Amino acid sequence: MLGALTDIFHSEKGLAALVLIIAATVLCTLGHMTIADWTDFAKWTFAVYVGGKTIQGGVSAIAAARVTPASSHQTTSTNNLGGVS
């Protein structure tokens, strides 16, 4: 659990989300934002953060995957009529 929390400080997205949550907390404390608004803001901030991490992970996995070149010999396949194409 502690590792996940420290990962937030090493990520630009995590730091931005943390700063936004702190700013919203200050606005809520000063009475410029209701608790319901703060809750909605925190949910959206978390959802965007998680979505961004998911997309980043997917793109990284795709970029890391090696594409194997097509083989130099062609294989024959049969068509629906039983012939060889």
Protein backbone atom coordinates (compact mmCIF):
# COMPACT_ATOMS: atom_id res chain seq x y z
CA MET A 1 0.00 0.00 0.00
CA LEU A 2 2.79 2.40 0.85
CA GLY A 3 4.46 1.67 -2.48
CA ALA A 4 1.32 2.70 -4.35
CA LEU A 5 1.19 5.96 -2.43
CA THR A 6 4.82 6.78 -3.13
CA ASP A 7 4.27 6.02 -6.84
CA ILE A 8 1.89 8.99 -6.96
CA PHE A 9 4.76 11.33 -6.09
CA HIS A 10 6.88 9.98 -8.96
CA SER A 11 4.22 10.61 -11.61
CA GLU A 12 3.22 13.92 -13.19
CA LYS A 13 -0.40 12.77 -13.36
CA GLY A 14 -0.31 11.75 -9.71
CA LEU A 15 1.14 15.07 -8.57
CA ALA A 16 -1.42 17.00 -10.63
CA ALA A 17 -4.26 14.97 -9.13
CA LEU A 18 -2.89 15.48 -5.63
CA VAL A 19 -2.59 19.25 -6.13
CA LEU A 20 -6.16 19.42 -7.49
CA ILE A 21 -7.53 17.46 -4.53
CA ILE A 22 -5.66 19.72 -2.08
CA ALA A 23 -6.96 22.83 -3.87
CA ALA A 24 -10.52 21.49 -3.76
CA THR A 25 -10.11 20.69 -0.07
CA VAL A 26 -8.99 24.25 0.62
CA LEU A 27 -11.96 25.63 -1.34
CA CYS A 28 -14.31 23.35 0.58
CA THR A 29 -12.77 24.43 3.90
CA LEU A 30 -13.18 28.10 2.98
CA GLY A 31 -16.82 27.55 2.06
CA HIS A 32 -16.45 28.16 -1.69
CA MET A 33 -17.33 24.56 -2.50
CA THR A 34 -19.89 22.23 -0.95
CA ILE A 35 -18.98 18.79 0.33
CA ALA A 36 -21.12 17.22 -2.42
CA ASP A 37 -19.16 19.21 -5.03
CA TRP A 38 -15.89 18.14 -3.41
CA THR A 39 -16.97 14.50 -3.53
CA ASP A 40 -17.89 14.73 -7.22
CA PHE A 41 -14.62 16.52 -7.99
CA ALA A 42 -12.58 13.90 -6.13
CA LYS A 43 -14.38 11.05 -7.95
CA TRP A 44 -13.77 12.62 -11.36
CA THR A 45 -10.14 13.37 -10.54
CA PHE A 46 -9.59 9.79 -9.44
CA ALA A 47 -11.38 8.40 -12.52
CA VAL A 48 -9.29 10.51 -14.89
CA TYR A 49 -6.09 9.51 -13.08
CA VAL A 50 -6.92 5.80 -13.24
CA GLY A 51 -8.04 6.10 -16.87
CA GLY A 52 -4.80 7.83 -17.79
CA LYS A 53 -2.72 5.17 -16.04
CA THR A 54 -4.69 2.42 -17.80
CA ILE A 55 -4.23 3.97 -21.23
CA GLN A 56 -0.54 4.59 -20.55
CA GLY A 57 -0.07 0.96 -19.49
CA GLY A 58 -1.88 -0.34 -22.56
CA VAL A 59 0.14 1.82 -24.93
CA SER A 60 3.37 0.77 -23.22
CA ALA A 61 2.43 -2.91 -23.55
CA ILE A 62 1.62 -2.49 -27.24
CA ALA A 63 4.84 -0.59 -27.89
CA ALA A 64 6.89 -3.23 -26.09
CA ALA A 65 5.34 -6.12 -28.00
CA ARG A 66 7.58 -7.36 -30.75
CA VAL A 67 6.05 -7.82 -34.14
CA THR A 68 7.38 -10.92 -35.83
CA PRO A 69 7.98 -10.56 -39.57
CA ALA A 70 6.03 -12.73 -41.97
CA SER A 71 7.69 -15.99 -42.82
CA SER A 72 9.61 -16.17 -46.10
CA HIS A 73 7.71 -19.19 -47.40
CA GLN A 74 4.03 -19.14 -48.22
CA THR A 75 1.65 -21.76 -47.00
CA THR A 76 -1.19 -22.98 -49.15
CA SER A 77 -4.71 -22.87 -47.89
CA THR A 78 -7.80 -24.57 -49.12
CA ASN A 79 -10.84 -22.64 -50.16
CA ASN A 80 -14.43 -23.60 -49.39
CA LEU A 81 -14.67 -25.63 -52.59
CA GLY A 82 -11.93 -28.02 -51.58
CA GLY A 83 -9.37 -26.61 -54.00
CA VAL A 84 -5.98 -25.21 -53.18
CA SER A 85 -5.53 -21.49 -53.63
